[in-house]
N, C-alpha and C. Protein backbone atom coordinates (compact mmCIF):
# COMPACT_ATOMS: atom_id res chain seq x y z
N MET A 1 6.39 -19.76 15.23
CA MET A 1 7.40 -18.71 15.38
C MET A 1 7.63 -18.44 16.87
N ALA A 2 8.29 -19.34 17.53
CA ALA A 2 8.50 -19.17 18.96
C ALA A 2 9.49 -18.05 19.22
N GLY A 3 9.37 -17.46 20.40
CA GLY A 3 10.33 -16.45 20.81
C GLY A 3 10.06 -15.06 20.31
N ARG A 4 8.86 -14.79 19.80
CA ARG A 4 8.54 -13.44 19.36
C ARG A 4 8.56 -12.49 20.54
N ARG A 5 9.26 -11.40 20.43
CA ARG A 5 9.30 -10.41 21.51
C ARG A 5 7.93 -9.77 21.66
N GLU A 6 7.59 -9.40 22.90
CA GLU A 6 6.30 -8.78 23.17
C GLU A 6 6.15 -7.49 22.39
N SER A 7 7.27 -6.76 22.19
CA SER A 7 7.22 -5.50 21.45
C SER A 7 6.90 -5.71 19.98
N ASP A 8 7.08 -6.96 19.50
CA ASP A 8 6.79 -7.26 18.11
C ASP A 8 5.33 -7.63 17.88
N MET A 9 4.58 -7.77 18.96
CA MET A 9 3.19 -8.16 18.84
C MET A 9 2.31 -6.92 18.74
N PRO A 10 1.19 -7.00 18.01
CA PRO A 10 0.33 -5.82 17.84
C PRO A 10 -0.42 -5.49 19.12
N GLU A 11 -0.85 -4.23 19.21
CA GLU A 11 -1.67 -3.81 20.33
C GLU A 11 -3.01 -4.55 20.28
N THR A 12 -3.46 -5.05 21.42
CA THR A 12 -4.73 -5.78 21.46
C THR A 12 -5.81 -4.99 22.19
N LYS A 13 -5.48 -3.79 22.65
CA LYS A 13 -6.48 -2.97 23.32
C LYS A 13 -7.61 -2.65 22.34
N GLY A 14 -8.83 -2.81 22.80
CA GLY A 14 -9.97 -2.49 21.96
C GLY A 14 -10.47 -3.66 21.14
N LEU A 15 -9.67 -4.74 21.04
CA LEU A 15 -10.09 -5.88 20.25
C LEU A 15 -11.22 -6.65 20.91
N ALA A 16 -11.28 -6.59 22.25
CA ALA A 16 -12.26 -7.40 22.97
C ALA A 16 -13.69 -7.07 22.58
N ARG A 17 -13.94 -5.83 22.19
CA ARG A 17 -15.31 -5.45 21.86
C ARG A 17 -15.70 -5.86 20.44
N LEU A 18 -14.76 -6.40 19.67
CA LEU A 18 -15.04 -6.85 18.31
C LEU A 18 -15.44 -8.32 18.31
N GLY A 19 -16.12 -8.75 17.25
CA GLY A 19 -16.43 -10.15 17.07
C GLY A 19 -15.18 -10.94 16.73
N ALA A 20 -15.26 -12.25 16.82
CA ALA A 20 -14.08 -13.09 16.58
C ALA A 20 -13.49 -12.87 15.18
N GLY A 21 -14.36 -12.80 14.17
CA GLY A 21 -13.88 -12.59 12.80
C GLY A 21 -13.15 -11.28 12.64
N GLU A 22 -13.69 -10.22 13.24
CA GLU A 22 -13.05 -8.90 13.15
C GLU A 22 -11.73 -8.88 13.90
N ARG A 23 -11.68 -9.56 15.05
CA ARG A 23 -10.43 -9.61 15.82
C ARG A 23 -9.35 -10.35 15.04
N ILE A 24 -9.74 -11.44 14.40
CA ILE A 24 -8.77 -12.20 13.60
C ILE A 24 -8.21 -11.34 12.47
N LEU A 25 -9.09 -10.64 11.78
CA LEU A 25 -8.66 -9.82 10.64
C LEU A 25 -7.75 -8.68 11.11
N ALA A 26 -8.13 -8.02 12.21
CA ALA A 26 -7.33 -6.90 12.73
C ALA A 26 -5.96 -7.36 13.20
N ALA A 27 -5.93 -8.47 13.94
CA ALA A 27 -4.66 -8.98 14.45
C ALA A 27 -3.78 -9.46 13.30
N ALA A 28 -4.38 -10.13 12.34
CA ALA A 28 -3.61 -10.63 11.19
C ALA A 28 -3.02 -9.48 10.39
N MET A 29 -3.79 -8.40 10.19
CA MET A 29 -3.28 -7.26 9.44
C MET A 29 -2.07 -6.66 10.14
N SER A 30 -2.15 -6.49 11.46
CA SER A 30 -1.04 -5.91 12.21
C SER A 30 0.21 -6.78 12.12
N LEU A 31 0.03 -8.09 12.31
CA LEU A 31 1.17 -9.00 12.30
C LEU A 31 1.77 -9.18 10.91
N PHE A 32 0.92 -9.34 9.91
CA PHE A 32 1.43 -9.48 8.55
C PHE A 32 2.17 -8.22 8.11
N ALA A 33 1.66 -7.06 8.52
CA ALA A 33 2.31 -5.80 8.15
C ALA A 33 3.68 -5.66 8.83
N LEU A 34 3.83 -6.25 10.00
CA LEU A 34 5.10 -6.19 10.72
C LEU A 34 6.12 -7.21 10.21
N HIS A 35 5.64 -8.42 9.89
CA HIS A 35 6.56 -9.53 9.64
C HIS A 35 6.38 -10.23 8.30
N GLY A 36 5.39 -9.83 7.52
CA GLY A 36 5.15 -10.49 6.25
C GLY A 36 4.40 -11.80 6.39
N TYR A 37 4.06 -12.39 5.26
CA TYR A 37 3.30 -13.64 5.26
C TYR A 37 4.10 -14.79 5.87
N ASN A 38 5.35 -14.92 5.46
CA ASN A 38 6.16 -16.05 5.92
C ASN A 38 6.63 -15.90 7.36
N GLY A 39 6.57 -14.69 7.89
CA GLY A 39 7.09 -14.45 9.24
C GLY A 39 6.07 -14.56 10.35
N VAL A 40 4.85 -14.99 10.03
CA VAL A 40 3.77 -15.03 11.03
C VAL A 40 3.09 -16.40 10.97
N SER A 41 2.80 -16.96 12.13
CA SER A 41 2.07 -18.23 12.20
C SER A 41 0.62 -17.96 12.59
N THR A 42 -0.25 -18.91 12.27
CA THR A 42 -1.66 -18.77 12.67
C THR A 42 -1.79 -18.84 14.19
N ARG A 43 -0.87 -19.51 14.84
CA ARG A 43 -0.89 -19.56 16.31
C ARG A 43 -0.67 -18.17 16.90
N GLU A 44 0.26 -17.42 16.31
CA GLU A 44 0.50 -16.06 16.79
C GLU A 44 -0.71 -15.16 16.53
N ILE A 45 -1.32 -15.33 15.38
CA ILE A 45 -2.51 -14.53 15.06
C ILE A 45 -3.63 -14.85 16.04
N ALA A 46 -3.81 -16.14 16.34
CA ALA A 46 -4.84 -16.55 17.30
C ALA A 46 -4.59 -15.92 18.67
N SER A 47 -3.34 -15.93 19.10
CA SER A 47 -3.00 -15.34 20.40
C SER A 47 -3.30 -13.85 20.43
N ALA A 48 -2.90 -13.14 19.37
CA ALA A 48 -3.14 -11.69 19.31
C ALA A 48 -4.62 -11.37 19.21
N ALA A 49 -5.39 -12.25 18.53
CA ALA A 49 -6.83 -12.01 18.34
C ALA A 49 -7.66 -12.51 19.51
N GLN A 50 -6.98 -13.16 20.47
CA GLN A 50 -7.66 -13.69 21.66
C GLN A 50 -8.70 -14.75 21.29
N VAL A 51 -8.32 -15.62 20.36
CA VAL A 51 -9.15 -16.76 19.98
C VAL A 51 -8.23 -17.98 19.92
N ASN A 52 -8.82 -19.18 19.77
CA ASN A 52 -7.96 -20.34 19.57
C ASN A 52 -7.75 -20.55 18.08
N GLU A 53 -6.74 -21.34 17.75
CA GLU A 53 -6.35 -21.50 16.35
C GLU A 53 -7.45 -22.15 15.52
N VAL A 54 -8.24 -23.01 16.15
CA VAL A 54 -9.34 -23.67 15.44
C VAL A 54 -10.34 -22.64 14.92
N THR A 55 -10.56 -21.58 15.71
CA THR A 55 -11.50 -20.53 15.31
C THR A 55 -11.03 -19.85 14.03
N ILE A 56 -9.74 -19.64 13.90
CA ILE A 56 -9.20 -19.03 12.68
C ILE A 56 -9.54 -19.89 11.47
N PHE A 57 -9.33 -21.21 11.60
CA PHE A 57 -9.56 -22.10 10.46
C PHE A 57 -11.04 -22.29 10.16
N ARG A 58 -11.90 -21.98 11.12
CA ARG A 58 -13.33 -21.98 10.82
C ARG A 58 -13.68 -20.82 9.89
N HIS A 59 -13.01 -19.68 10.09
CA HIS A 59 -13.25 -18.50 9.25
C HIS A 59 -12.45 -18.56 7.95
N TYR A 60 -11.22 -19.06 8.04
CA TYR A 60 -10.32 -19.10 6.88
C TYR A 60 -9.65 -20.46 6.84
N PRO A 61 -10.03 -21.32 5.89
CA PRO A 61 -9.49 -22.69 5.84
C PRO A 61 -7.97 -22.76 5.79
N ARG A 62 -7.34 -21.76 5.15
CA ARG A 62 -5.88 -21.75 5.05
C ARG A 62 -5.36 -20.37 5.47
N LYS A 63 -4.14 -20.36 5.93
CA LYS A 63 -3.47 -19.09 6.25
C LYS A 63 -3.45 -18.19 5.02
N HIS A 64 -3.27 -18.79 3.87
CA HIS A 64 -3.24 -18.05 2.61
C HIS A 64 -4.57 -17.30 2.39
N ASP A 65 -5.69 -17.95 2.72
CA ASP A 65 -7.00 -17.31 2.57
C ASP A 65 -7.12 -16.10 3.50
N LEU A 66 -6.60 -16.25 4.71
CA LEU A 66 -6.63 -15.14 5.67
C LEU A 66 -5.80 -13.97 5.15
N TYR A 67 -4.64 -14.28 4.59
CA TYR A 67 -3.77 -13.21 4.09
C TYR A 67 -4.46 -12.43 2.96
N LEU A 68 -5.08 -13.16 2.05
CA LEU A 68 -5.77 -12.49 0.94
C LEU A 68 -6.93 -11.64 1.47
N ALA A 69 -7.63 -12.13 2.50
CA ALA A 69 -8.72 -11.35 3.10
C ALA A 69 -8.17 -10.07 3.73
N VAL A 70 -7.01 -10.17 4.36
CA VAL A 70 -6.36 -8.99 4.95
C VAL A 70 -6.00 -7.98 3.86
N MET A 71 -5.44 -8.48 2.76
CA MET A 71 -5.06 -7.60 1.66
C MET A 71 -6.29 -6.90 1.07
N LYS A 72 -7.37 -7.64 0.86
CA LYS A 72 -8.59 -7.05 0.31
C LYS A 72 -9.14 -5.98 1.24
N SER A 73 -9.15 -6.28 2.53
CA SER A 73 -9.64 -5.31 3.52
C SER A 73 -8.79 -4.05 3.52
N GLY A 74 -7.46 -4.23 3.46
CA GLY A 74 -6.56 -3.09 3.47
C GLY A 74 -6.70 -2.22 2.24
N LEU A 75 -6.78 -2.85 1.08
CA LEU A 75 -6.88 -2.09 -0.17
C LEU A 75 -8.18 -1.29 -0.24
N LYS A 76 -9.24 -1.81 0.36
CA LYS A 76 -10.52 -1.11 0.37
C LYS A 76 -10.47 0.16 1.23
N GLN A 77 -9.45 0.25 2.09
CA GLN A 77 -9.32 1.42 2.97
C GLN A 77 -8.63 2.60 2.29
N LEU A 78 -8.11 2.39 1.09
CA LEU A 78 -7.43 3.47 0.38
C LEU A 78 -8.45 4.37 -0.30
N HIS A 79 -8.44 5.64 0.06
CA HIS A 79 -9.38 6.59 -0.51
C HIS A 79 -8.63 7.84 -0.98
N LEU A 80 -9.01 8.35 -2.15
CA LEU A 80 -8.38 9.55 -2.70
C LEU A 80 -9.01 10.79 -2.08
N ARG A 81 -8.16 11.71 -1.66
CA ARG A 81 -8.65 12.96 -1.06
C ARG A 81 -9.10 13.93 -2.15
N GLY A 82 -10.33 14.43 -1.98
CA GLY A 82 -10.90 15.34 -2.98
C GLY A 82 -10.11 16.61 -3.16
N ASP A 83 -9.58 17.17 -2.06
CA ASP A 83 -8.84 18.42 -2.16
C ASP A 83 -7.56 18.25 -2.97
N LEU A 84 -6.93 17.07 -2.86
CA LEU A 84 -5.70 16.82 -3.62
C LEU A 84 -6.00 16.58 -5.09
N LEU A 85 -7.13 15.93 -5.37
CA LEU A 85 -7.55 15.76 -6.76
C LEU A 85 -7.86 17.11 -7.41
N THR A 86 -8.49 17.99 -6.63
CA THR A 86 -8.78 19.34 -7.13
C THR A 86 -7.49 20.08 -7.46
N GLY A 87 -6.48 19.89 -6.62
CA GLY A 87 -5.19 20.53 -6.86
C GLY A 87 -4.58 20.08 -8.18
N ILE A 88 -4.72 18.79 -8.50
CA ILE A 88 -4.20 18.29 -9.78
C ILE A 88 -4.99 18.91 -10.93
N ALA A 89 -6.30 18.96 -10.78
CA ALA A 89 -7.16 19.51 -11.84
C ALA A 89 -6.87 20.97 -12.11
N GLU A 90 -6.44 21.71 -11.08
CA GLU A 90 -6.19 23.14 -11.22
C GLU A 90 -4.75 23.46 -11.61
N ALA A 91 -3.93 22.44 -11.84
CA ALA A 91 -2.53 22.67 -12.24
C ALA A 91 -2.47 23.42 -13.56
N HIS A 92 -1.48 24.31 -13.68
CA HIS A 92 -1.34 25.13 -14.89
C HIS A 92 -0.36 24.55 -15.91
N ASP A 93 0.35 23.50 -15.53
CA ASP A 93 1.26 22.86 -16.48
C ASP A 93 1.45 21.40 -16.08
N GLY A 94 2.02 20.63 -16.99
CA GLY A 94 2.17 19.20 -16.77
C GLY A 94 3.06 18.85 -15.60
N GLN A 95 4.14 19.60 -15.42
CA GLN A 95 5.06 19.29 -14.33
C GLN A 95 4.39 19.50 -12.98
N THR A 96 3.59 20.57 -12.85
CA THR A 96 2.87 20.81 -11.60
C THR A 96 1.83 19.72 -11.36
N ALA A 97 1.13 19.32 -12.43
CA ALA A 97 0.14 18.25 -12.31
C ALA A 97 0.80 16.96 -11.84
N LEU A 98 1.99 16.67 -12.38
CA LEU A 98 2.69 15.45 -12.00
C LEU A 98 3.17 15.54 -10.55
N ALA A 99 3.66 16.71 -10.14
CA ALA A 99 4.12 16.89 -8.76
C ALA A 99 2.96 16.71 -7.78
N ARG A 100 1.80 17.25 -8.13
CA ARG A 100 0.64 17.13 -7.24
C ARG A 100 0.08 15.71 -7.24
N THR A 101 0.22 15.02 -8.36
CA THR A 101 -0.17 13.61 -8.41
C THR A 101 0.73 12.78 -7.49
N SER A 102 2.02 13.10 -7.50
CA SER A 102 2.96 12.43 -6.61
C SER A 102 2.56 12.64 -5.15
N GLU A 103 2.19 13.87 -4.82
CA GLU A 103 1.77 14.18 -3.45
C GLU A 103 0.53 13.38 -3.07
N LEU A 104 -0.43 13.30 -3.99
CA LEU A 104 -1.66 12.54 -3.74
C LEU A 104 -1.36 11.07 -3.46
N ILE A 105 -0.54 10.47 -4.29
CA ILE A 105 -0.24 9.05 -4.13
C ILE A 105 0.53 8.81 -2.83
N ALA A 106 1.50 9.68 -2.55
CA ALA A 106 2.29 9.52 -1.32
C ALA A 106 1.41 9.63 -0.08
N LYS A 107 0.55 10.63 -0.05
CA LYS A 107 -0.31 10.82 1.14
C LYS A 107 -1.34 9.71 1.26
N THR A 108 -1.85 9.23 0.14
CA THR A 108 -2.84 8.15 0.17
C THR A 108 -2.23 6.87 0.74
N LEU A 109 -1.03 6.53 0.30
CA LEU A 109 -0.41 5.28 0.74
C LEU A 109 0.28 5.42 2.09
N MET A 110 0.95 6.53 2.34
CA MET A 110 1.75 6.66 3.55
C MET A 110 0.91 7.02 4.77
N GLU A 111 -0.34 7.45 4.55
CA GLU A 111 -1.23 7.66 5.69
C GLU A 111 -1.76 6.33 6.21
N LYS A 112 -1.55 5.27 5.47
CA LYS A 112 -1.93 3.92 5.88
C LYS A 112 -0.68 3.04 5.88
N PRO A 113 0.22 3.23 6.85
CA PRO A 113 1.50 2.52 6.81
C PRO A 113 1.37 1.01 6.83
N GLU A 114 0.35 0.48 7.52
CA GLU A 114 0.18 -0.97 7.54
C GLU A 114 -0.11 -1.50 6.13
N ILE A 115 -0.95 -0.78 5.39
CA ILE A 115 -1.30 -1.21 4.04
C ILE A 115 -0.09 -1.10 3.13
N LEU A 116 0.69 -0.03 3.30
CA LEU A 116 1.90 0.14 2.50
C LEU A 116 2.86 -1.02 2.74
N ARG A 117 3.05 -1.41 4.00
CA ARG A 117 3.95 -2.53 4.30
C ARG A 117 3.40 -3.84 3.74
N LEU A 118 2.07 -4.01 3.79
CA LEU A 118 1.46 -5.21 3.21
C LEU A 118 1.74 -5.29 1.70
N LEU A 119 1.64 -4.14 1.03
CA LEU A 119 1.94 -4.10 -0.40
C LEU A 119 3.38 -4.51 -0.66
N GLN A 120 4.29 -4.01 0.19
CA GLN A 120 5.71 -4.32 0.01
C GLN A 120 5.98 -5.81 0.23
N PHE A 121 5.45 -6.37 1.31
CA PHE A 121 5.65 -7.79 1.59
C PHE A 121 5.00 -8.66 0.51
N SER A 122 3.81 -8.28 0.08
CA SER A 122 3.08 -9.08 -0.89
C SER A 122 3.83 -9.17 -2.22
N ALA A 123 4.41 -8.05 -2.63
CA ALA A 123 5.15 -8.03 -3.90
C ALA A 123 6.32 -9.01 -3.86
N LEU A 124 6.90 -9.20 -2.67
CA LEU A 124 8.05 -10.09 -2.54
C LEU A 124 7.66 -11.54 -2.33
N GLU A 125 6.59 -11.76 -1.55
CA GLU A 125 6.28 -13.11 -1.10
C GLU A 125 5.16 -13.82 -1.87
N LEU A 126 4.24 -13.04 -2.44
CA LEU A 126 3.05 -13.66 -3.04
C LEU A 126 2.74 -13.07 -4.40
N SER A 127 3.73 -12.96 -5.25
CA SER A 127 3.54 -12.24 -6.51
C SER A 127 2.44 -12.86 -7.39
N VAL A 128 2.32 -14.17 -7.39
CA VAL A 128 1.34 -14.82 -8.26
C VAL A 128 -0.09 -14.41 -7.89
N ASP A 129 -0.39 -14.40 -6.59
CA ASP A 129 -1.72 -14.00 -6.14
C ASP A 129 -1.84 -12.49 -5.99
N PHE A 130 -0.72 -11.86 -5.71
CA PHE A 130 -0.71 -10.43 -5.42
C PHE A 130 -1.07 -9.60 -6.64
N ASP A 131 -0.53 -9.94 -7.81
CA ASP A 131 -0.72 -9.12 -9.01
C ASP A 131 -2.19 -8.92 -9.38
N PRO A 132 -2.97 -10.01 -9.56
CA PRO A 132 -4.37 -9.81 -9.93
C PRO A 132 -5.18 -9.16 -8.81
N LEU A 133 -4.82 -9.44 -7.56
CA LEU A 133 -5.55 -8.86 -6.43
C LEU A 133 -5.39 -7.35 -6.41
N VAL A 134 -4.16 -6.88 -6.56
CA VAL A 134 -3.91 -5.44 -6.55
C VAL A 134 -4.50 -4.78 -7.77
N ARG A 135 -4.38 -5.44 -8.93
CA ARG A 135 -4.97 -4.89 -10.15
C ARG A 135 -6.46 -4.66 -9.97
N ARG A 136 -7.12 -5.64 -9.38
CA ARG A 136 -8.57 -5.56 -9.22
C ARG A 136 -8.97 -4.44 -8.26
N HIS A 137 -8.26 -4.32 -7.16
CA HIS A 137 -8.67 -3.36 -6.13
C HIS A 137 -8.07 -1.96 -6.32
N LEU A 138 -6.97 -1.87 -7.07
CA LEU A 138 -6.38 -0.55 -7.30
C LEU A 138 -6.72 0.01 -8.67
N SER A 139 -7.43 -0.76 -9.48
CA SER A 139 -7.71 -0.31 -10.84
C SER A 139 -8.49 1.01 -10.86
N GLU A 140 -9.49 1.13 -10.00
CA GLU A 140 -10.27 2.37 -9.96
C GLU A 140 -9.40 3.53 -9.50
N PHE A 141 -8.59 3.28 -8.48
CA PHE A 141 -7.64 4.28 -7.96
C PHE A 141 -6.76 4.78 -9.10
N VAL A 142 -6.17 3.86 -9.85
CA VAL A 142 -5.26 4.22 -10.93
C VAL A 142 -5.99 4.95 -12.05
N GLU A 143 -7.15 4.46 -12.42
CA GLU A 143 -7.89 5.06 -13.52
C GLU A 143 -8.31 6.49 -13.21
N VAL A 144 -8.75 6.74 -11.98
CA VAL A 144 -9.17 8.09 -11.60
C VAL A 144 -7.99 9.05 -11.68
N VAL A 145 -6.87 8.66 -11.09
CA VAL A 145 -5.69 9.53 -11.09
C VAL A 145 -5.16 9.72 -12.51
N ALA A 146 -5.16 8.65 -13.29
CA ALA A 146 -4.62 8.72 -14.66
C ALA A 146 -5.40 9.71 -15.52
N ARG A 147 -6.70 9.83 -15.29
CA ARG A 147 -7.52 10.76 -16.08
C ARG A 147 -7.08 12.21 -15.91
N TYR A 148 -6.53 12.54 -14.75
CA TYR A 148 -6.07 13.90 -14.50
C TYR A 148 -4.75 14.20 -15.22
N LEU A 149 -4.00 13.16 -15.55
CA LEU A 149 -2.72 13.36 -16.24
C LEU A 149 -2.86 13.26 -17.75
N GLU A 150 -3.91 12.62 -18.21
CA GLU A 150 -4.11 12.39 -19.64
C GLU A 150 -4.06 13.67 -20.48
N PRO A 151 -4.71 14.76 -20.07
CA PRO A 151 -4.66 15.99 -20.89
C PRO A 151 -3.24 16.50 -21.10
N TRP A 152 -2.39 16.37 -20.08
CA TRP A 152 -1.03 16.88 -20.19
C TRP A 152 -0.18 16.00 -21.09
N ILE A 153 -0.50 14.72 -21.14
CA ILE A 153 0.20 13.82 -22.08
C ILE A 153 -0.19 14.18 -23.51
N LYS A 154 -1.49 14.41 -23.73
CA LYS A 154 -1.98 14.76 -25.07
C LYS A 154 -1.40 16.09 -25.54
N LYS A 155 -1.16 17.01 -24.60
CA LYS A 155 -0.57 18.30 -24.96
C LYS A 155 0.93 18.20 -25.19
N GLY A 156 1.50 17.06 -24.86
CA GLY A 156 2.94 16.88 -25.05
C GLY A 156 3.78 17.42 -23.92
N GLU A 157 3.16 17.75 -22.78
CA GLU A 157 3.92 18.30 -21.64
C GLU A 157 4.48 17.20 -20.74
N LEU A 158 3.98 15.98 -20.91
CA LEU A 158 4.52 14.85 -20.17
C LEU A 158 4.98 13.79 -21.16
N ARG A 159 6.23 13.34 -21.02
CA ARG A 159 6.81 12.36 -21.94
C ARG A 159 6.37 10.95 -21.54
N CYS A 160 5.19 10.60 -21.90
CA CYS A 160 4.67 9.27 -21.59
C CYS A 160 3.49 9.00 -22.51
N THR A 161 3.36 7.80 -23.00
CA THR A 161 2.25 7.49 -23.90
C THR A 161 1.05 6.91 -23.17
N ASN A 162 1.23 6.53 -21.93
CA ASN A 162 0.15 5.90 -21.17
C ASN A 162 0.10 6.47 -19.77
N SER A 163 -0.98 7.17 -19.43
CA SER A 163 -1.08 7.82 -18.12
C SER A 163 -1.12 6.81 -16.98
N LYS A 164 -1.68 5.62 -17.22
CA LYS A 164 -1.74 4.61 -16.16
C LYS A 164 -0.33 4.11 -15.82
N THR A 165 0.50 3.97 -16.83
CA THR A 165 1.88 3.56 -16.60
C THR A 165 2.59 4.57 -15.70
N LEU A 166 2.32 5.83 -15.94
CA LEU A 166 2.92 6.89 -15.13
C LEU A 166 2.45 6.80 -13.68
N VAL A 167 1.17 6.55 -13.48
CA VAL A 167 0.64 6.42 -12.11
C VAL A 167 1.26 5.22 -11.41
N PHE A 168 1.38 4.10 -12.12
CA PHE A 168 2.00 2.91 -11.52
C PHE A 168 3.47 3.18 -11.17
N THR A 169 4.14 3.98 -11.99
CA THR A 169 5.53 4.35 -11.68
C THR A 169 5.59 5.11 -10.36
N LEU A 170 4.68 6.04 -10.14
CA LEU A 170 4.65 6.81 -8.90
C LEU A 170 4.32 5.92 -7.70
N ILE A 171 3.40 4.98 -7.90
CA ILE A 171 3.07 4.03 -6.83
C ILE A 171 4.30 3.19 -6.49
N ALA A 172 5.03 2.77 -7.52
CA ALA A 172 6.24 1.96 -7.30
C ALA A 172 7.29 2.73 -6.51
N ILE A 173 7.39 4.04 -6.77
CA ILE A 173 8.35 4.87 -6.02
C ILE A 173 7.99 4.87 -4.54
N VAL A 174 6.70 5.04 -4.23
CA VAL A 174 6.27 5.09 -2.83
C VAL A 174 6.49 3.73 -2.15
N THR A 175 6.10 2.64 -2.81
CA THR A 175 6.20 1.33 -2.18
C THR A 175 7.64 0.87 -1.99
N SER A 176 8.55 1.35 -2.83
CA SER A 176 9.96 0.93 -2.71
C SER A 176 10.78 1.90 -1.88
N TYR A 177 10.21 3.05 -1.54
CA TYR A 177 10.98 4.13 -0.92
C TYR A 177 11.63 3.70 0.40
N SER A 178 10.86 3.09 1.31
CA SER A 178 11.40 2.79 2.64
C SER A 178 12.59 1.85 2.56
N SER A 179 12.53 0.86 1.66
CA SER A 179 13.66 -0.06 1.51
C SER A 179 14.88 0.65 0.94
N LEU A 180 14.66 1.49 -0.06
CA LEU A 180 15.77 2.22 -0.66
C LEU A 180 16.38 3.21 0.32
N GLN A 181 15.53 3.86 1.12
CA GLN A 181 16.04 4.81 2.10
C GLN A 181 16.93 4.11 3.12
N ARG A 182 16.51 2.92 3.55
CA ARG A 182 17.29 2.18 4.53
C ARG A 182 18.65 1.78 3.97
N ILE A 183 18.67 1.37 2.71
CA ILE A 183 19.91 0.91 2.10
C ILE A 183 20.84 2.06 1.77
N PHE A 184 20.27 3.18 1.25
CA PHE A 184 21.08 4.29 0.76
C PHE A 184 20.94 5.54 1.63
N LEU A 185 20.73 5.33 2.92
CA LEU A 185 20.52 6.46 3.82
C LEU A 185 21.66 7.47 3.76
N ALA A 186 22.86 6.96 3.63
CA ALA A 186 24.03 7.84 3.58
C ALA A 186 24.02 8.74 2.36
N GLU A 187 23.28 8.35 1.34
CA GLU A 187 23.24 9.15 0.12
C GLU A 187 22.22 10.29 0.21
N GLY A 188 21.49 10.39 1.32
CA GLY A 188 20.52 11.46 1.48
C GLY A 188 19.29 11.29 0.62
N LEU A 189 18.93 10.05 0.37
CA LEU A 189 17.78 9.76 -0.48
C LEU A 189 16.49 10.20 0.22
N GLY A 190 15.65 10.94 -0.50
CA GLY A 190 14.38 11.39 0.05
C GLY A 190 13.26 11.17 -0.95
N LEU A 191 12.04 10.99 -0.43
CA LEU A 191 10.91 10.73 -1.32
C LEU A 191 10.67 11.91 -2.25
N ASP A 192 10.75 13.13 -1.72
CA ASP A 192 10.56 14.32 -2.56
C ASP A 192 11.59 14.37 -3.69
N GLY A 193 12.82 13.99 -3.36
CA GLY A 193 13.87 13.99 -4.39
C GLY A 193 13.60 12.97 -5.48
N MET A 194 13.08 11.81 -5.09
CA MET A 194 12.74 10.78 -6.07
C MET A 194 11.61 11.25 -6.98
N PHE A 195 10.60 11.89 -6.38
CA PHE A 195 9.50 12.43 -7.18
C PHE A 195 9.98 13.54 -8.11
N GLU A 196 10.87 14.38 -7.60
CA GLU A 196 11.39 15.48 -8.42
C GLU A 196 12.16 14.93 -9.63
N ALA A 197 12.97 13.90 -9.39
CA ALA A 197 13.71 13.28 -10.49
C ALA A 197 12.75 12.69 -11.51
N CYS A 198 11.67 12.07 -11.02
CA CYS A 198 10.67 11.48 -11.91
C CYS A 198 9.98 12.57 -12.72
N ALA A 199 9.62 13.68 -12.06
CA ALA A 199 8.95 14.79 -12.74
C ALA A 199 9.85 15.39 -13.80
N ASN A 200 11.14 15.54 -13.48
CA ASN A 200 12.08 16.11 -14.46
C ASN A 200 12.24 15.19 -15.65
N PHE A 201 12.21 13.89 -15.40
CA PHE A 201 12.38 12.91 -16.49
C PHE A 201 11.16 12.92 -17.43
N TYR A 202 9.95 12.96 -16.84
CA TYR A 202 8.74 12.85 -17.66
C TYR A 202 8.25 14.19 -18.22
N SER A 203 8.78 15.30 -17.69
CA SER A 203 8.29 16.61 -18.15
C SER A 203 9.14 17.13 -19.31
N ASN A 204 8.46 17.75 -20.27
CA ASN A 204 9.18 18.36 -21.40
C ASN A 204 9.50 19.82 -21.09
């Protein structure tokens, strides 16, 4: 990928104190999050990580292996905030529980913008490998959140038969939001508005 602008390259400050493997992973995460899998070469990653390209292939035989390692590392960084989970548990009705669940998912994903962009690129470029990888690493995340919505579904306050499906719907809203906002900016599209529409649809 010749001709990459310097502004398109990740910050390398602080990488020098890391080992070669850590530098490769950090540089690859930054570049893949900016340009996607197809938009980055191993040569660029080597340059950003301050190693030679051979060193990358010693750690990861294929670029594909490096990308999956980046995805696994990123997904492991997603953590649910206890205070937001408590807020869902203390909700007095299904619509409030759903609104607070939306807030939890949005803050969890949007506080890690690199991981959010990786999810977006992966869904487009690597669906075959992406699906089982995300299922494996996000399953606990989804199951924990879904348990907080289950009582409201059983009470009939949320129009949904499967709480996990509802959580995945909210995740899909967050991951697709930036693209939709860019396309429909003139329409005043906002994440809160999308969540509100979802809450109104699923709430009785």
